[in-house]
Amino acid sequence: MQVKSDKKIFVTKSYMPPLEEYMKYVNAVFNNAQLTNGGPIVKELEAELCDYLKIDNIQYVTNGTIALQLALRALDIQDGEVITTPFSYVATTSAIMWEKIKPVYVDIEPDNFTIDPNKIEEKITSKTKAIMPVHVFGYACDVEAIQKIADRHNLKVIYDAAHAFASRYKGKSLVSYGDISTLSFHATKLFHTVEGGACIIKDEIVKKELDLIKRFGHNGDEHYCLGINAKQSEMHAAMGLSILPHIYEIIEKRMHICNLYDSMLQGRLKRPKLQKDLEYNYSYYPVVFKSESELLRVFEALNKEEIYPRRYFFPSLNLLPYHKDYQCCPISENISLRIACLPLYPSLATEDAEKIANIIIKNLD
């Protein structure tokens, strides 16, 4: 069946599973009457995600931002500095600053926009506690180089893998790297639970610590540590269980749209470089224009046709107005002025993707 053209086209559109599949789980929740606190649907989703991602454990939580905060707490990082990237969604910085930790920015690689490992060590001080890189747009950080640096300086590595669901590097899920990796299951992601996130933890003791922290720090009447409520509901888990069986179809349809953009744009816009040994998840379609003025002109032309791409990621996070000091990251600052993500979702009609590409081509310098 041909996908119908959307009147308004946004950068993404949440995938909705067949209603009857979702209602099967909803009915089970109603019959069981347990809505939260680690119910059977949550446990089933965690088991299915471990099986799909080929990982040993996963802690399903309320969102991807709290997942980062939980990771910092579970690793006992509550002060000092965390080295991170300026090129990400603001949640990466927000999680660090919310925990009263200073983000120290390291500029990005010009080819795939992930943190440049060659510039990390010069930013390490006696206050540095961890490195928090981002697998931006689902492309892999240089995980081997980052781990070597972390080992040399006795630092923890927390990967913000919000974009990396289903991406695999050297035969392993990207979320299997680092001391902790975090995921976002927000409605905009290729796999979502409406709202949600997860932590994947290497150390068994840290895993138990994070499990306690996410449920107020107590087990029954025994209070072990300061905690917070990051437990996820059965209804959210039901959405995930309804979508996960369709993940191969979702990725295949996104790949089709990406390939169509590639064939029409024919390299006229810069794209992130796909690393060797990376199985990409087609989570985004970022393009870099020659200048910000070219980007804005293309946006204006698309908006007139009710097509709304988005400036991912703008501004460069080192330029956020609530930072007390300026940390220079020229590559990120330059790229963030010129980059945007084109509409990409499974139900995007081929004719709409072709229209988007044609409008872009007509308005390039």
Protein backbone atom coordinates (compact mmCIF):
# COMPACT_ATOMS: atom_id res chain seq x y z
CA MET A 1 0.00 0.00 0.00
CA GLN A 2 1.38 3.41 -0.97
CA VAL A 3 2.09 5.86 1.84
CA LYS A 4 -0.05 8.99 1.55
CA SER A 5 1.59 12.38 1.32
CA ASP A 6 1.47 14.42 4.53
CA LYS A 7 0.16 17.97 4.32
CA LYS A 8 2.59 19.19 6.97
CA ILE A 9 5.93 17.43 7.12
CA PHE A 10 7.98 17.71 10.30
CA VAL A 11 11.52 16.48 10.94
CA THR A 12 10.10 13.33 12.50
CA LYS A 13 6.83 11.56 13.19
CA SER A 14 6.38 9.01 15.94
CA TYR A 15 5.95 5.43 14.83
CA MET A 16 2.64 4.01 16.03
CA PRO A 17 2.23 0.23 16.24
CA PRO A 18 -1.00 -1.50 15.27
CA LEU A 19 -3.54 -0.49 17.91
CA GLU A 20 -4.64 -4.06 18.57
CA GLU A 21 -1.07 -5.03 19.45
CA TYR A 22 -0.78 -2.21 21.96
CA MET A 23 -4.22 -2.94 23.42
CA LYS A 24 -3.20 -6.54 24.08
CA TYR A 25 -0.68 -5.26 26.61
CA VAL A 26 -3.03 -2.57 27.93
CA ASN A 27 -5.65 -5.23 28.66
CA ALA A 28 -3.04 -7.23 30.55
CA VAL A 29 -2.19 -4.16 32.64
CA PHE A 30 -5.87 -3.59 33.43
CA ASN A 31 -6.30 -7.22 34.44
CA ASN A 32 -3.16 -7.19 36.58
CA ALA A 33 -3.80 -3.70 38.04
CA GLN A 34 -0.08 -3.05 38.62
CA LEU A 35 0.80 0.20 36.90
CA THR A 36 4.39 0.78 38.05
CA ASN A 37 7.08 -0.36 40.53
CA GLY A 38 8.75 -2.90 38.22
CA GLY A 39 5.66 -4.64 36.95
CA PRO A 40 5.61 -7.64 34.59
CA ILE A 41 5.35 -5.56 31.39
CA VAL A 42 8.44 -3.52 32.36
CA LYS A 43 10.34 -6.71 33.16
CA GLU A 44 9.29 -8.27 29.87
CA LEU A 45 10.45 -5.22 27.93
CA GLU A 46 13.82 -5.22 29.70
CA ALA A 47 14.27 -8.90 28.83
CA GLU A 48 13.30 -8.35 25.18
CA LEU A 49 15.65 -5.37 24.88
CA CYS A 50 18.54 -7.38 26.33
CA ASP A 51 17.83 -10.09 23.77
CA TYR A 52 17.60 -7.67 20.84
CA LEU A 53 20.65 -5.60 21.79
CA LYS A 54 22.66 -8.66 22.89
CA ILE A 55 23.52 -7.15 26.27
CA ASP A 56 23.51 -8.60 29.78
CA ASN A 57 21.41 -5.99 31.58
CA ILE A 58 19.30 -2.90 31.08
CA GLN A 59 17.64 -0.55 33.55
CA TYR A 60 14.50 0.93 32.02
CA VAL A 61 13.84 4.45 33.38
CA THR A 62 11.60 7.45 32.81
CA ASN A 63 13.68 9.31 30.20
CA GLY A 64 17.10 9.67 28.65
CA THR A 65 18.08 12.75 30.65
CA ILE A 66 17.47 11.11 34.03
CA ALA A 67 19.39 8.10 32.71
CA LEU A 68 22.49 10.31 32.43
CA GLN A 69 21.93 11.74 35.90
CA LEU A 70 21.49 8.25 37.36
CA ALA A 71 24.71 7.15 35.66
CA LEU A 72 26.64 10.00 37.28
CA ARG A 73 25.16 9.21 40.70
CA ALA A 74 25.69 5.47 40.46
CA LEU A 75 29.37 6.05 39.61
CA ASP A 76 29.62 8.47 42.57
CA ILE A 77 30.42 11.47 40.37
CA GLN A 78 28.89 14.33 42.34
CA ASP A 79 31.39 17.16 41.90
CA GLY A 80 34.39 18.15 39.84
CA GLU A 81 34.43 18.08 36.05
CA VAL A 82 33.15 15.84 33.28
CA ILE A 83 34.62 16.05 29.80
CA THR A 84 31.94 16.07 27.13
CA THR A 85 31.06 17.24 23.64
CA PRO A 86 29.59 20.61 22.67
CA PHE A 87 27.75 19.01 19.76
CA SER A 88 24.67 17.29 21.16
CA TYR A 89 21.16 17.97 22.38
CA VAL A 90 21.11 20.23 25.43
CA ALA A 91 20.12 17.30 27.70
CA THR A 92 23.72 16.08 27.69
CA THR A 93 24.91 19.31 29.27
CA SER A 94 21.78 19.69 31.41
CA ALA A 95 22.31 16.31 33.09
CA ILE A 96 25.87 17.23 34.04
CA MET A 97 25.06 20.71 35.30
CA TRP A 98 21.94 19.58 37.16
CA GLU A 99 24.21 17.35 39.24
CA LYS A 100 26.35 20.42 40.08
CA ILE A 101 29.25 19.19 37.93
CA LYS A 102 31.14 21.36 35.47
CA PRO A 103 31.02 20.30 31.81
CA VAL A 104 34.40 20.67 30.11
CA TYR A 105 33.98 20.76 26.35
CA VAL A 106 36.25 19.03 23.86
CA ASP A 107 35.77 19.95 20.22
CA ILE A 108 34.49 17.46 17.64
CA GLU A 109 35.93 15.59 14.70
CA PRO A 110 35.13 17.40 11.44
CA ASP A 111 34.13 14.23 9.59
CA ASN A 112 31.53 12.57 11.82
CA PHE A 113 30.93 15.23 14.51
CA THR A 114 31.72 13.01 17.51
CA ILE A 115 34.14 14.11 20.25
CA ASP A 116 37.75 14.29 19.05
CA PRO A 117 39.80 11.90 21.23
CA ASN A 118 43.03 13.63 20.21
CA LYS A 119 41.91 16.71 22.15
CA ILE A 120 40.67 15.02 25.32
CA GLU A 121 43.87 14.61 27.33
CA GLU A 122 44.77 18.29 27.20
CA LYS A 123 41.51 19.02 29.04
CA ILE A 124 42.05 16.50 31.85
CA THR A 125 42.79 18.03 35.25
CA SER A 126 42.86 16.84 38.85
CA LYS A 127 39.14 17.65 38.96
CA THR A 128 38.20 15.41 36.02
CA LYS A 129 36.00 12.48 37.05
CA ALA A 130 34.61 11.11 33.80
CA ILE A 131 34.27 11.41 30.04
CA MET A 132 30.75 11.67 28.59
CA PRO A 133 30.92 11.33 24.78
CA VAL A 134 27.87 11.17 22.50
CA HIS A 135 27.28 8.75 19.64
CA VAL A 136 25.77 11.68 17.78
CA PHE A 137 23.13 10.80 15.15
CA GLY A 138 23.94 7.12 15.83
CA TYR A 139 27.52 7.36 14.52
CA ALA A 140 30.14 5.71 16.72
CA CYS A 141 32.63 7.60 18.82
CA ASP A 142 36.21 6.33 18.69
CA VAL A 143 35.46 3.98 21.58
CA GLU A 144 38.90 2.32 21.60
CA ALA A 145 40.82 5.61 21.81
CA ILE A 146 38.48 7.00 24.47
CA GLN A 147 38.79 3.87 26.62
CA LYS A 148 42.59 3.98 26.46
CA ILE A 149 42.55 7.59 27.66
CA ALA A 150 40.10 6.73 30.45
CA ASP A 151 42.26 3.80 31.58
CA ARG A 152 45.43 5.92 31.63
CA HIS A 153 43.81 8.54 33.84
CA ASN A 154 41.51 6.30 35.90
CA LEU A 155 38.35 7.95 34.56
CA LYS A 156 34.85 6.58 34.08
CA VAL A 157 33.22 6.62 30.63
CA ILE A 158 29.51 7.32 30.30
CA TYR A 159 28.21 7.20 26.75
CA ASP A 160 25.19 9.27 25.84
CA ALA A 161 23.87 6.76 23.31
CA ALA A 162 20.46 8.43 22.94
CA HIS A 163 20.72 8.16 19.14
CA ALA A 164 22.43 4.80 18.98
CA PHE A 165 19.67 2.23 19.43
CA ALA A 166 20.29 -0.59 16.91
CA SER A 167 23.65 0.83 15.78
CA ARG A 168 26.38 -1.81 16.01
CA TYR A 169 30.14 -1.38 15.97
CA LYS A 170 32.51 -4.28 15.30
CA GLY A 171 29.64 -6.71 15.76
CA LYS A 172 28.55 -5.31 19.14
CA SER A 173 25.77 -2.94 20.07
CA LEU A 174 27.12 0.57 20.58
CA VAL A 175 25.44 0.60 23.98
CA SER A 176 27.75 -2.17 25.20
CA TYR A 177 30.75 0.21 25.41
CA GLY A 178 31.79 2.31 28.40
CA ASP A 179 31.16 1.91 32.12
CA ILE A 180 27.56 2.96 31.50
CA SER A 181 25.71 3.72 28.29
CA THR A 182 22.37 5.50 28.27
CA LEU A 183 19.51 5.42 25.79
CA SER A 184 16.54 7.65 25.10
CA PHE A 185 13.18 6.15 24.19
CA HIS A 186 11.53 9.51 23.55
CA ALA A 187 8.70 9.62 21.02
CA THR A 188 11.05 11.13 18.42
CA LYS A 189 13.43 8.17 18.47
CA LEU A 190 13.38 5.25 16.02
CA PHE A 191 12.47 3.00 18.97
CA HIS A 192 10.31 4.70 21.56
CA THR A 193 8.09 4.13 24.59
CA VAL A 194 6.43 7.57 24.33
CA GLU A 195 8.77 8.77 27.09
CA GLY A 196 11.56 6.64 28.45
CA GLY A 197 15.23 5.85 28.67
CA ALA A 198 17.63 3.20 29.85
CA CYS A 199 21.03 2.54 31.41
CA ILE A 200 23.30 -0.32 30.41
CA ILE A 201 25.88 -0.98 33.13
CA LYS A 202 29.11 -2.96 32.99
CA ASP A 203 29.75 -3.50 36.73
CA GLU A 204 27.38 -5.61 38.83
CA ILE A 205 27.79 -3.47 41.97
CA VAL A 206 27.10 -0.26 40.02
CA LYS A 207 24.05 -1.92 38.47
CA LYS A 208 22.62 -2.66 41.92
CA GLU A 209 23.43 0.88 43.06
CA LEU A 210 21.62 2.43 40.11
CA ASP A 211 18.63 0.14 40.63
CA LEU A 212 18.36 1.44 44.20
CA ILE A 213 18.83 5.09 43.24
CA LYS A 214 16.06 4.97 40.62
CA ARG A 215 13.53 3.85 43.30
CA PHE A 216 14.21 6.31 46.12
CA GLY A 217 17.26 4.46 47.44
CA HIS A 218 15.36 1.95 49.52
CA ASN A 219 14.27 -1.66 49.38
CA GLY A 220 11.24 -2.27 51.54
CA ASP A 221 11.87 -0.64 54.91
CA GLU A 222 15.64 -0.57 54.47
CA HIS A 223 16.96 2.81 53.24
CA TYR A 224 20.42 2.48 51.72
CA CYS A 225 21.15 5.75 49.90
CA LEU A 226 19.73 9.00 48.58
CA GLY A 227 17.51 8.20 45.62
CA ILE A 228 14.94 9.56 43.22
CA ASN A 229 11.90 8.28 41.39
CA ALA A 230 12.97 7.19 37.92
CA LYS A 231 10.77 4.10 37.66
CA GLN A 232 8.85 3.61 34.43
CA SER A 233 5.21 2.62 34.05
CA GLU A 234 3.60 -0.48 32.59
CA MET A 235 1.76 1.62 29.98
CA HIS A 236 5.01 3.04 28.63
CA ALA A 237 6.58 -0.41 28.54
CA ALA A 238 3.52 -1.67 26.65
CA MET A 239 4.28 0.77 23.84
CA GLY A 240 7.85 -0.50 23.65
CA LEU A 241 6.78 -4.13 23.49
CA SER A 242 4.35 -3.24 20.69
CA ILE A 243 7.01 -1.45 18.64
CA LEU A 244 10.04 -3.72 19.13
CA PRO A 245 8.78 -6.51 16.81
CA HIS A 246 8.59 -3.91 14.02
CA ILE A 247 12.10 -2.49 14.50
CA TYR A 248 13.59 -4.18 11.42
CA GLU A 249 10.79 -2.78 9.25
CA ILE A 250 11.22 0.68 10.81
CA ILE A 251 14.96 0.73 10.08
CA GLU A 252 14.48 -0.60 6.55
CA LYS A 253 11.98 2.14 5.69
CA ARG A 254 14.24 4.82 7.14
CA MET A 255 17.15 3.41 5.13
CA HIS A 256 15.02 3.67 1.97
CA ILE A 257 14.40 7.39 2.57
CA CYS A 258 18.09 7.99 3.36
CA ASN A 259 19.15 6.25 0.16
CA LEU A 260 16.66 8.33 -1.81
CA TYR A 261 18.05 11.55 -0.35
CA ASP A 262 21.58 10.33 -1.16
CA SER A 263 20.71 9.59 -4.77
CA MET A 264 19.00 12.94 -5.33
CA LEU A 265 21.38 15.23 -3.45
CA GLN A 266 24.41 13.46 -5.01
CA GLY A 267 26.94 14.72 -2.50
CA ARG A 268 26.05 18.40 -2.88
CA LEU A 269 25.77 18.70 0.89
CA LYS A 270 28.28 17.40 3.41
CA ARG A 271 27.23 14.30 5.35
CA PRO A 272 28.80 12.61 8.39
CA LYS A 273 31.35 10.00 7.47
CA LEU A 274 30.25 6.43 8.14
CA GLN A 275 32.91 4.66 10.18
CA LYS A 276 34.37 1.35 9.13
CA ASP A 277 32.78 -1.58 11.00
CA LEU A 278 29.65 0.47 11.89
CA GLU A 279 26.21 -0.96 11.14
CA TYR A 280 24.20 2.26 11.04
CA ASN A 281 20.66 2.61 12.38
CA TYR A 282 19.46 5.41 10.05
CA SER A 283 18.18 7.41 12.99
CA TYR A 284 18.76 10.84 11.40
CA TYR A 285 19.63 12.43 8.07
CA PRO A 286 21.94 15.38 8.88
CA VAL A 287 23.28 17.64 6.14
CA VAL A 288 25.75 20.52 6.36
CA PHE A 289 25.22 23.57 4.15
CA LYS A 290 27.98 25.84 2.84
CA SER A 291 26.86 28.69 5.07
CA GLU A 292 24.21 29.62 7.60
CA SER A 293 22.63 31.96 5.05
CA GLU A 294 22.25 29.05 2.62
CA LEU A 295 20.65 26.95 5.38
CA LEU A 296 18.19 29.72 6.26
CA ARG A 297 17.27 30.24 2.61
CA VAL A 298 16.56 26.53 2.17
CA PHE A 299 14.54 26.50 5.39
CA GLU A 300 12.44 29.41 4.19
CA ALA A 301 11.69 27.65 0.90
CA LEU A 302 10.77 24.40 2.68
CA ASN A 303 8.65 26.15 5.29
CA LYS A 304 6.59 27.80 2.52
CA GLU A 305 5.65 24.26 1.49
CA GLU A 306 4.84 23.35 5.12
CA ILE A 307 7.99 21.26 5.42
CA TYR A 308 9.88 21.68 8.68
CA PRO A 309 13.41 20.31 9.02
CA ARG A 310 15.25 21.13 12.26
CA ARG A 311 18.59 22.60 13.24
CA TYR A 312 20.18 19.64 15.03
CA PHE A 313 22.24 20.77 16.91
CA PHE A 314 22.08 24.50 17.44
CA PRO A 315 23.64 26.26 19.20
CA SER A 316 26.93 24.61 20.02
CA LEU A 317 26.50 23.77 23.73
CA ASN A 318 29.62 25.67 24.82
CA LEU A 319 27.70 28.83 23.81
CA LEU A 320 24.73 28.26 26.12
CA PRO A 321 23.94 31.55 27.90
CA TYR A 322 24.08 30.09 31.41
CA HIS A 323 27.74 29.07 31.21
CA LYS A 324 29.98 31.24 33.38
CA ASP A 325 32.98 30.90 31.11
CA TYR A 326 33.51 30.54 27.37
CA GLN A 327 35.26 27.36 26.19
CA CYS A 328 36.41 27.62 22.58
CA CYS A 329 35.23 24.83 20.25
CA PRO A 330 35.58 26.26 16.72
CA ILE A 331 34.63 23.15 14.75
CA SER A 332 31.43 22.56 16.71
CA GLU A 333 30.56 26.26 16.59
CA ASN A 334 31.01 26.32 12.83
CA ILE A 335 29.15 23.07 12.11
CA SER A 336 26.24 23.97 14.39
CA LEU A 337 25.56 27.10 12.33
CA ARG A 338 25.27 25.12 9.11
CA ILE A 339 23.79 21.72 9.98
CA ALA A 340 20.19 20.51 9.85
CA CYS A 341 18.32 17.23 9.89
CA LEU A 342 15.90 16.51 7.06
CA PRO A 343 12.52 14.85 7.65
CA LEU A 344 12.97 11.13 8.22
CA TYR A 345 10.40 8.62 9.45
CA PRO A 346 8.95 5.32 8.19
CA SER A 347 5.67 6.78 6.91
CA LEU A 348 7.31 9.60 4.93
CA ALA A 349 6.05 9.21 1.37
CA THR A 350 8.62 8.79 -1.40
CA GLU A 351 7.06 11.68 -3.31
CA ASP A 352 7.49 13.92 -0.25
CA ALA A 353 11.15 12.97 0.16
CA GLU A 354 11.69 13.71 -3.54
CA LYS A 355 9.94 17.07 -3.14
CA ILE A 356 12.16 17.95 -0.17
CA ALA A 357 15.32 17.08 -2.10
CA ASN A 358 14.22 19.08 -5.16
CA ILE A 359 13.45 22.19 -3.09
CA ILE A 360 16.87 21.95 -1.44
CA ILE A 361 18.67 21.59 -4.77
CA LYS A 362 16.88 24.63 -6.22
CA ASN A 363 17.93 26.83 -3.31
CA LEU A 364 21.59 25.91 -2.95
CA ASP A 365 24.29 28.44 -3.78
